[in-house]
Amino acid sequence: MQLLGTTITVMAKIFYCEGSTGRIGVLRAVIPFSDLKPLVSSESPDYVGQSFPAANRKSSAHIVFEIVSDEEDVGWRVGFYYVDKGPLQFEDTLRAFCKAAGLSV
């Protein structure tokens, strides 16, 4: 995105959710959406709308990520997506990506 001649990288937010309510999400990472796409594409994320999911849907541990209007991309709508993968398993994927990309975790 360009703003006053400066390029700004739009970031996606990743939340780790656990517990019986499933609604409590801890912000784990904010990364460029272009980096997030390959991490979640194989997980078949479910679009849940423009509000944070109200309750756990399939399991007590999962991740949720948010796409805002500036990040909208072909095949991805603005809003929140549910991924039925536990935070610990996703953490392994995220750390492997960061290591390969030379980024700090």
N, C-alpha and C. Protein backbone atom coordinates (compact mmCIF):
# COMPACT_ATOMS: atom_id res chain seq x y z
N MET A 1 0.85 -1.16 0.00
CA MET A 1 0.00 0.00 0.00
C MET A 1 0.90 1.23 0.00
N GLN A 2 0.50 2.27 -0.70
CA GLN A 2 1.24 3.53 -0.76
C GLN A 2 0.49 4.59 0.04
N LEU A 3 1.19 5.34 0.83
CA LEU A 3 0.62 6.44 1.58
C LEU A 3 1.63 7.57 1.56
N LEU A 4 1.28 8.66 0.91
CA LEU A 4 2.17 9.81 0.78
C LEU A 4 3.55 9.40 0.26
N GLY A 5 3.55 8.51 -0.74
CA GLY A 5 4.81 8.10 -1.35
C GLY A 5 5.60 7.08 -0.57
N THR A 6 5.08 6.63 0.57
CA THR A 6 5.77 5.64 1.39
C THR A 6 5.04 4.32 1.29
N THR A 7 5.78 3.24 1.07
CA THR A 7 5.18 1.92 1.01
C THR A 7 4.98 1.40 2.43
N ILE A 8 3.76 0.94 2.69
CA ILE A 8 3.42 0.40 4.01
C ILE A 8 3.02 -1.06 3.83
N THR A 9 3.62 -1.95 4.59
CA THR A 9 3.26 -3.36 4.55
C THR A 9 2.07 -3.57 5.47
N VAL A 10 1.00 -4.13 4.93
CA VAL A 10 -0.20 -4.39 5.71
C VAL A 10 -0.02 -5.71 6.44
N MET A 11 -0.38 -5.74 7.69
CA MET A 11 -0.13 -6.89 8.53
C MET A 11 -1.42 -7.62 8.88
N ALA A 12 -1.30 -8.93 9.06
CA ALA A 12 -2.41 -9.77 9.51
C ALA A 12 -2.18 -10.11 10.98
N LYS A 13 -3.27 -10.29 11.72
CA LYS A 13 -3.18 -10.62 13.13
C LYS A 13 -3.54 -12.09 13.34
N ILE A 14 -2.72 -12.78 14.15
CA ILE A 14 -2.96 -14.18 14.47
C ILE A 14 -3.24 -14.27 15.97
N PHE A 15 -4.36 -14.91 16.33
CA PHE A 15 -4.75 -15.08 17.72
C PHE A 15 -4.73 -16.56 18.08
N TYR A 16 -4.21 -16.88 19.27
CA TYR A 16 -4.27 -18.24 19.80
C TYR A 16 -5.43 -18.28 20.78
N CYS A 17 -6.31 -19.26 20.61
CA CYS A 17 -7.50 -19.37 21.44
C CYS A 17 -7.52 -20.72 22.13
N GLU A 18 -7.77 -20.70 23.42
CA GLU A 18 -7.89 -21.92 24.20
C GLU A 18 -8.92 -21.71 25.28
N GLY A 19 -9.28 -22.77 25.94
CA GLY A 19 -10.21 -22.68 27.05
C GLY A 19 -11.61 -23.08 26.66
N SER A 20 -12.47 -23.21 27.64
CA SER A 20 -13.82 -23.69 27.40
C SER A 20 -14.68 -22.70 26.64
N THR A 21 -14.37 -21.40 26.72
CA THR A 21 -15.20 -20.43 26.00
C THR A 21 -14.76 -20.29 24.57
N GLY A 22 -13.48 -20.51 24.28
CA GLY A 22 -12.98 -20.39 22.92
C GLY A 22 -12.92 -18.98 22.40
N ARG A 23 -13.53 -18.04 23.10
CA ARG A 23 -13.58 -16.67 22.63
C ARG A 23 -12.35 -15.87 23.06
N ILE A 24 -11.70 -16.29 24.10
CA ILE A 24 -10.55 -15.56 24.59
C ILE A 24 -9.37 -15.85 23.67
N GLY A 25 -8.96 -14.82 22.95
CA GLY A 25 -7.86 -14.98 22.01
C GLY A 25 -6.69 -14.11 22.42
N VAL A 26 -5.52 -14.69 22.43
CA VAL A 26 -4.30 -13.97 22.76
C VAL A 26 -3.60 -13.65 21.45
N LEU A 27 -3.32 -12.38 21.23
CA LEU A 27 -2.62 -11.98 20.02
C LEU A 27 -1.22 -12.57 20.06
N ARG A 28 -0.91 -13.43 19.08
CA ARG A 28 0.39 -14.09 19.06
C ARG A 28 1.37 -13.42 18.11
N ALA A 29 0.86 -13.02 16.94
CA ALA A 29 1.77 -12.47 15.94
C ALA A 29 1.04 -11.51 15.03
N VAL A 30 1.80 -10.59 14.51
CA VAL A 30 1.32 -9.68 13.48
C VAL A 30 2.37 -9.77 12.37
N ILE A 31 1.95 -10.36 11.25
CA ILE A 31 2.88 -10.59 10.15
C ILE A 31 2.24 -10.14 8.84
N PRO A 32 3.04 -9.90 7.81
CA PRO A 32 2.45 -9.55 6.52
C PRO A 32 1.52 -10.66 6.04
N PHE A 33 0.38 -10.26 5.50
CA PHE A 33 -0.59 -11.24 5.02
C PHE A 33 0.02 -12.14 3.96
N SER A 34 0.91 -11.61 3.15
CA SER A 34 1.57 -12.43 2.13
C SER A 34 2.38 -13.56 2.76
N ASP A 35 2.88 -13.36 3.98
CA ASP A 35 3.61 -14.42 4.70
C ASP A 35 2.65 -15.40 5.38
N LEU A 36 1.50 -14.90 5.80
CA LEU A 36 0.53 -15.75 6.49
C LEU A 36 -0.15 -16.73 5.53
N LYS A 37 -0.44 -16.30 4.32
CA LYS A 37 -1.19 -17.15 3.38
C LYS A 37 -0.61 -18.55 3.24
N PRO A 38 0.69 -18.71 2.98
CA PRO A 38 1.19 -20.09 2.84
C PRO A 38 1.15 -20.89 4.14
N LEU A 39 1.12 -20.21 5.28
CA LEU A 39 1.08 -20.92 6.56
C LEU A 39 -0.30 -21.50 6.86
N VAL A 40 -1.36 -20.89 6.33
CA VAL A 40 -2.71 -21.33 6.66
C VAL A 40 -3.48 -21.93 5.48
N SER A 41 -2.99 -21.78 4.28
CA SER A 41 -3.72 -22.27 3.10
C SER A 41 -4.00 -23.77 3.17
N SER A 42 -3.04 -24.54 3.61
CA SER A 42 -3.23 -25.99 3.67
C SER A 42 -4.12 -26.42 4.84
N GLU A 43 -4.44 -25.50 5.72
CA GLU A 43 -5.25 -25.81 6.90
C GLU A 43 -6.75 -25.67 6.65
N SER A 44 -7.15 -25.25 5.47
CA SER A 44 -8.57 -25.04 5.13
C SER A 44 -9.27 -24.14 6.14
N PRO A 45 -8.84 -22.89 6.26
CA PRO A 45 -9.47 -21.99 7.22
C PRO A 45 -10.94 -21.73 6.87
N ASP A 46 -11.76 -21.62 7.91
CA ASP A 46 -13.19 -21.33 7.75
C ASP A 46 -13.42 -19.85 8.00
N TYR A 47 -14.07 -19.18 7.05
CA TYR A 47 -14.44 -17.78 7.23
C TYR A 47 -15.58 -17.74 8.24
N VAL A 48 -15.46 -16.91 9.30
CA VAL A 48 -16.50 -16.85 10.33
C VAL A 48 -17.18 -15.50 10.42
N GLY A 49 -16.82 -14.56 9.56
CA GLY A 49 -17.50 -13.27 9.54
C GLY A 49 -16.60 -12.13 9.96
N GLN A 50 -17.24 -10.99 10.19
CA GLN A 50 -16.48 -9.78 10.51
C GLN A 50 -16.36 -9.51 12.00
N SER A 51 -16.80 -10.45 12.81
CA SER A 51 -16.64 -10.36 14.26
C SER A 51 -15.85 -11.55 14.75
N PHE A 52 -15.08 -11.34 15.82
CA PHE A 52 -14.32 -12.43 16.41
C PHE A 52 -15.30 -13.56 16.76
N PRO A 53 -14.95 -14.81 16.49
CA PRO A 53 -15.88 -15.92 16.75
C PRO A 53 -16.39 -15.92 18.19
N ALA A 54 -17.69 -16.14 18.34
CA ALA A 54 -18.34 -16.06 19.64
C ALA A 54 -18.00 -17.23 20.56
N ALA A 55 -17.73 -18.39 20.01
CA ALA A 55 -17.46 -19.56 20.85
C ALA A 55 -16.65 -20.56 20.06
N ASN A 56 -16.04 -21.51 20.79
CA ASN A 56 -15.29 -22.52 20.06
C ASN A 56 -16.26 -23.31 19.20
N ARG A 57 -15.77 -23.73 18.05
CA ARG A 57 -16.64 -24.39 17.09
C ARG A 57 -16.37 -25.88 17.02
N LYS A 58 -15.13 -26.27 17.00
CA LYS A 58 -14.81 -27.68 16.82
C LYS A 58 -13.91 -28.23 17.91
N SER A 59 -13.10 -27.38 18.48
CA SER A 59 -12.19 -27.84 19.53
C SER A 59 -11.95 -26.71 20.51
N SER A 60 -11.36 -27.05 21.63
CA SER A 60 -11.11 -26.01 22.63
C SER A 60 -9.84 -25.23 22.34
N ALA A 61 -8.97 -25.74 21.46
CA ALA A 61 -7.74 -25.03 21.13
C ALA A 61 -7.69 -24.85 19.61
N HIS A 62 -7.55 -23.60 19.19
CA HIS A 62 -7.54 -23.30 17.76
C HIS A 62 -6.89 -21.94 17.54
N ILE A 63 -6.74 -21.57 16.29
CA ILE A 63 -6.25 -20.23 15.99
C ILE A 63 -7.30 -19.48 15.18
N VAL A 64 -7.23 -18.18 15.29
CA VAL A 64 -8.09 -17.28 14.53
C VAL A 64 -7.17 -16.23 13.93
N PHE A 65 -7.40 -15.89 12.67
CA PHE A 65 -6.65 -14.77 12.12
C PHE A 65 -7.60 -13.79 11.48
N GLU A 66 -7.17 -12.55 11.40
CA GLU A 66 -8.00 -11.46 10.89
C GLU A 66 -7.39 -10.86 9.64
N ILE A 67 -8.24 -10.60 8.67
CA ILE A 67 -7.86 -9.88 7.46
C ILE A 67 -8.66 -8.58 7.45
N VAL A 68 -7.99 -7.45 7.35
CA VAL A 68 -8.69 -6.17 7.28
C VAL A 68 -8.80 -5.74 5.82
N SER A 69 -9.56 -4.68 5.57
CA SER A 69 -9.88 -4.30 4.19
C SER A 69 -8.66 -4.06 3.32
N ASP A 70 -7.59 -3.53 3.86
CA ASP A 70 -6.39 -3.29 3.06
C ASP A 70 -5.67 -4.56 2.67
N GLU A 71 -5.99 -5.68 3.32
CA GLU A 71 -5.33 -6.95 3.07
C GLU A 71 -6.13 -7.87 2.16
N GLU A 72 -7.37 -7.49 1.87
CA GLU A 72 -8.25 -8.36 1.09
C GLU A 72 -7.55 -8.79 -0.20
N ASP A 73 -7.70 -10.05 -0.52
CA ASP A 73 -6.98 -10.65 -1.62
C ASP A 73 -7.93 -11.61 -2.34
N VAL A 74 -7.59 -12.00 -3.54
CA VAL A 74 -8.42 -12.96 -4.26
C VAL A 74 -8.57 -14.23 -3.41
N GLY A 75 -9.80 -14.62 -3.16
CA GLY A 75 -10.05 -15.82 -2.38
C GLY A 75 -10.12 -15.60 -0.87
N TRP A 76 -9.82 -14.41 -0.42
CA TRP A 76 -9.83 -14.10 1.02
C TRP A 76 -10.69 -12.87 1.25
N ARG A 77 -11.70 -13.01 2.11
CA ARG A 77 -12.58 -11.89 2.42
C ARG A 77 -12.13 -11.19 3.69
N VAL A 78 -12.57 -9.96 3.85
CA VAL A 78 -12.31 -9.20 5.07
C VAL A 78 -13.04 -9.89 6.22
N GLY A 79 -12.35 -10.04 7.34
CA GLY A 79 -12.97 -10.62 8.52
C GLY A 79 -12.08 -11.63 9.22
N PHE A 80 -12.71 -12.49 9.98
CA PHE A 80 -12.00 -13.46 10.81
C PHE A 80 -12.12 -14.86 10.22
N TYR A 81 -11.04 -15.62 10.39
CA TYR A 81 -10.97 -17.00 9.90
C TYR A 81 -10.58 -17.91 11.06
N TYR A 82 -11.24 -19.06 11.11
CA TYR A 82 -11.01 -20.07 12.14
C TYR A 82 -10.16 -21.18 11.53
N VAL A 83 -9.12 -21.60 12.24
CA VAL A 83 -8.29 -22.72 11.80
C VAL A 83 -8.29 -23.75 12.92
N ASP A 84 -8.73 -24.96 12.58
CA ASP A 84 -8.83 -26.03 13.56
C ASP A 84 -7.46 -26.68 13.76
N LYS A 85 -6.56 -25.89 14.30
CA LYS A 85 -5.21 -26.36 14.60
C LYS A 85 -4.82 -25.74 15.94
N GLY A 86 -4.32 -26.55 16.81
CA GLY A 86 -3.96 -26.05 18.13
C GLY A 86 -2.82 -25.05 18.07
N PRO A 87 -2.80 -24.12 19.01
CA PRO A 87 -1.74 -23.12 19.05
C PRO A 87 -0.33 -23.73 19.09
N LEU A 88 -0.14 -24.83 19.81
CA LEU A 88 1.19 -25.42 19.89
C LEU A 88 1.66 -25.94 18.53
N GLN A 89 0.74 -26.57 17.80
CA GLN A 89 1.09 -27.07 16.47
C GLN A 89 1.35 -25.91 15.51
N PHE A 90 0.54 -24.88 15.58
CA PHE A 90 0.75 -23.73 14.69
C PHE A 90 2.02 -22.99 15.06
N GLU A 91 2.34 -22.97 16.33
CA GLU A 91 3.58 -22.32 16.79
C GLU A 91 4.79 -22.96 16.12
N ASP A 92 4.78 -24.28 16.00
CA ASP A 92 5.87 -24.97 15.32
C ASP A 92 5.99 -24.51 13.87
N THR A 93 4.85 -24.39 13.19
CA THR A 93 4.82 -23.93 11.80
C THR A 93 5.33 -22.49 11.71
N LEU A 94 4.88 -21.64 12.60
CA LEU A 94 5.28 -20.23 12.60
C LEU A 94 6.78 -20.09 12.87
N ARG A 95 7.29 -20.83 13.84
CA ARG A 95 8.73 -20.76 14.15
C ARG A 95 9.58 -21.26 12.99
N ALA A 96 9.15 -22.33 12.33
CA ALA A 96 9.89 -22.85 11.18
C ALA A 96 9.93 -21.82 10.05
N PHE A 97 8.79 -21.16 9.83
CA PHE A 97 8.75 -20.12 8.80
C PHE A 97 9.70 -18.96 9.15
N CYS A 98 9.63 -18.50 10.39
CA CYS A 98 10.47 -17.38 10.82
C CYS A 98 11.95 -17.72 10.70
N LYS A 99 12.31 -18.94 11.08
CA LYS A 99 13.71 -19.37 10.99
C LYS A 99 14.17 -19.38 9.53
N ALA A 100 13.33 -19.96 8.65
CA ALA A 100 13.68 -20.03 7.22
C ALA A 100 13.77 -18.64 6.59
N ALA A 101 12.95 -17.71 7.08
CA ALA A 101 12.93 -16.35 6.53
C ALA A 101 13.96 -15.42 7.21
N GLY A 102 14.64 -15.94 8.24
CA GLY A 102 15.61 -15.12 8.96
C GLY A 102 14.98 -14.07 9.83
N LEU A 103 13.76 -14.34 10.33
CA LEU A 103 13.04 -13.40 11.17
C LEU A 103 13.08 -13.85 12.64
N SER A 104 12.98 -12.90 13.54
CA SER A 104 12.91 -13.26 14.95
C SER A 104 11.49 -13.67 15.28
N VAL A 105 11.36 -14.53 16.28
CA VAL A 105 10.04 -15.03 16.65
C VAL A 105 9.45 -14.18 17.73
